[in-house]
Amino acid sequence: MKTPVLYFIRTVCAMVVMPLMFIVIYPLVYIFLPETTARLADLPRDLIIFVLIEVVVIPIIGWRLYSRARYLVSEKGVREAGDTRDVL
């Protein structure tokens, strides 16, 4: 499998797995917290942070990895990777 496609698949998988982890693991962790710490847990704040990461950060990083891998596979990227004229 080519690297750009692999980065795309990994990004989509991360975007699917992270909500499942939040839905399943967050309540389990909350149950096992001591009561003093559980009172400090703030589900709406944690959910907002999670949604921000899920909707903004992961797609941007995935797009950057995908575009960089496509560029390195292209003719211009291969040519520039092999060009050693400016190395001193």
Protein backbone atom coordinates (compact mmCIF):
# COMPACT_ATOMS: atom_id res chain seq x y z
CA MET A 1 0.00 0.00 0.00
CA LYS A 2 1.33 3.44 -0.88
CA THR A 3 2.26 5.82 1.91
CA PRO A 4 -0.28 8.60 1.11
CA VAL A 5 -3.14 6.09 1.20
CA LEU A 6 -1.79 4.66 4.44
CA TYR A 7 -1.79 8.11 6.08
CA PHE A 8 -5.35 8.70 4.90
CA ILE A 9 -6.54 5.38 6.34
CA ARG A 10 -4.76 6.03 9.65
CA THR A 11 -6.38 9.46 9.94
CA VAL A 12 -9.86 8.07 9.31
CA CYS A 13 -9.24 5.26 11.80
CA ALA A 14 -8.10 7.77 14.44
CA MET A 15 -11.23 9.82 13.84
CA VAL A 16 -13.38 6.72 14.37
CA VAL A 17 -11.53 5.20 17.32
CA MET A 18 -11.17 8.37 19.41
CA PRO A 19 -14.92 8.96 19.89
CA LEU A 20 -15.38 5.31 20.80
CA MET A 21 -12.59 5.57 23.37
CA PHE A 22 -14.12 8.72 24.83
CA ILE A 23 -17.57 7.15 25.06
CA VAL A 24 -16.31 3.92 26.65
CA ILE A 25 -13.19 4.80 28.64
CA TYR A 26 -14.18 8.18 30.10
CA PRO A 27 -17.10 6.80 32.15
CA LEU A 28 -14.98 3.87 33.34
CA VAL A 29 -12.20 6.17 34.51
CA TYR A 30 -14.74 8.45 36.15
CA ILE A 31 -16.20 5.53 38.10
CA PHE A 32 -12.80 4.53 39.50
CA LEU A 33 -11.72 8.04 40.53
CA PRO A 34 -11.74 8.90 44.21
CA GLU A 35 -14.73 11.06 45.12
CA THR A 36 -12.65 14.18 45.76
CA THR A 37 -11.13 13.93 42.30
CA ALA A 38 -14.42 12.94 40.68
CA ARG A 39 -15.96 16.20 41.86
CA LEU A 40 -13.30 18.07 39.90
CA ALA A 41 -13.99 16.12 36.69
CA ASP A 42 -15.86 18.29 34.25
CA LEU A 43 -17.50 16.33 31.44
CA PRO A 44 -18.60 19.35 29.33
CA ARG A 45 -15.10 20.87 29.39
CA ASP A 46 -13.48 17.53 28.58
CA LEU A 47 -15.98 16.98 25.78
CA ILE A 48 -15.22 20.40 24.28
CA ILE A 49 -11.49 19.70 24.37
CA PHE A 50 -12.06 16.30 22.81
CA VAL A 51 -14.26 17.69 20.03
CA LEU A 52 -11.68 20.39 19.31
CA ILE A 53 -8.97 17.76 18.93
CA GLU A 54 -11.22 15.45 16.92
CA VAL A 55 -12.54 18.07 14.50
CA VAL A 56 -9.56 20.40 14.10
CA VAL A 57 -6.23 18.84 15.07
CA ILE A 58 -6.49 15.30 13.68
CA PRO A 59 -7.69 16.30 10.18
CA ILE A 60 -5.01 19.01 9.89
CA ILE A 61 -2.23 16.63 10.89
CA GLY A 62 -3.61 13.90 8.63
CA TRP A 63 -3.88 16.28 5.68
CA ARG A 64 -0.32 17.49 6.23
CA LEU A 65 1.09 13.95 6.36
CA TYR A 66 -0.94 12.94 3.30
CA SER A 67 0.15 15.95 1.22
CA ARG A 68 3.79 15.57 2.25
CA ALA A 69 3.79 11.88 1.33
CA ARG A 70 2.15 12.64 -2.04
CA TYR A 71 4.77 15.31 -2.75
CA LEU A 72 7.65 12.96 -1.89
CA VAL A 73 6.23 10.33 -4.24
CA SER A 74 5.80 12.81 -7.11
CA GLU A 75 8.51 13.35 -9.73
CA LYS A 76 9.52 16.73 -8.35
CA GLY A 77 9.83 15.34 -4.83
CA VAL A 78 11.95 12.40 -5.97
CA ARG A 79 14.16 14.74 -8.00
CA GLU A 80 14.65 17.14 -5.07
CA ALA A 81 15.36 14.30 -2.64
CA GLY A 82 18.16 13.06 -4.89
CA ASP A 83 19.59 16.50 -5.63
CA THR A 84 22.79 17.04 -3.63
CA ARG A 85 24.23 20.05 -5.49
CA ASP A 86 23.63 22.54 -2.66
CA VAL A 87 25.19 20.41 0.09
CA LEU A 88 28.53 21.78 1.32
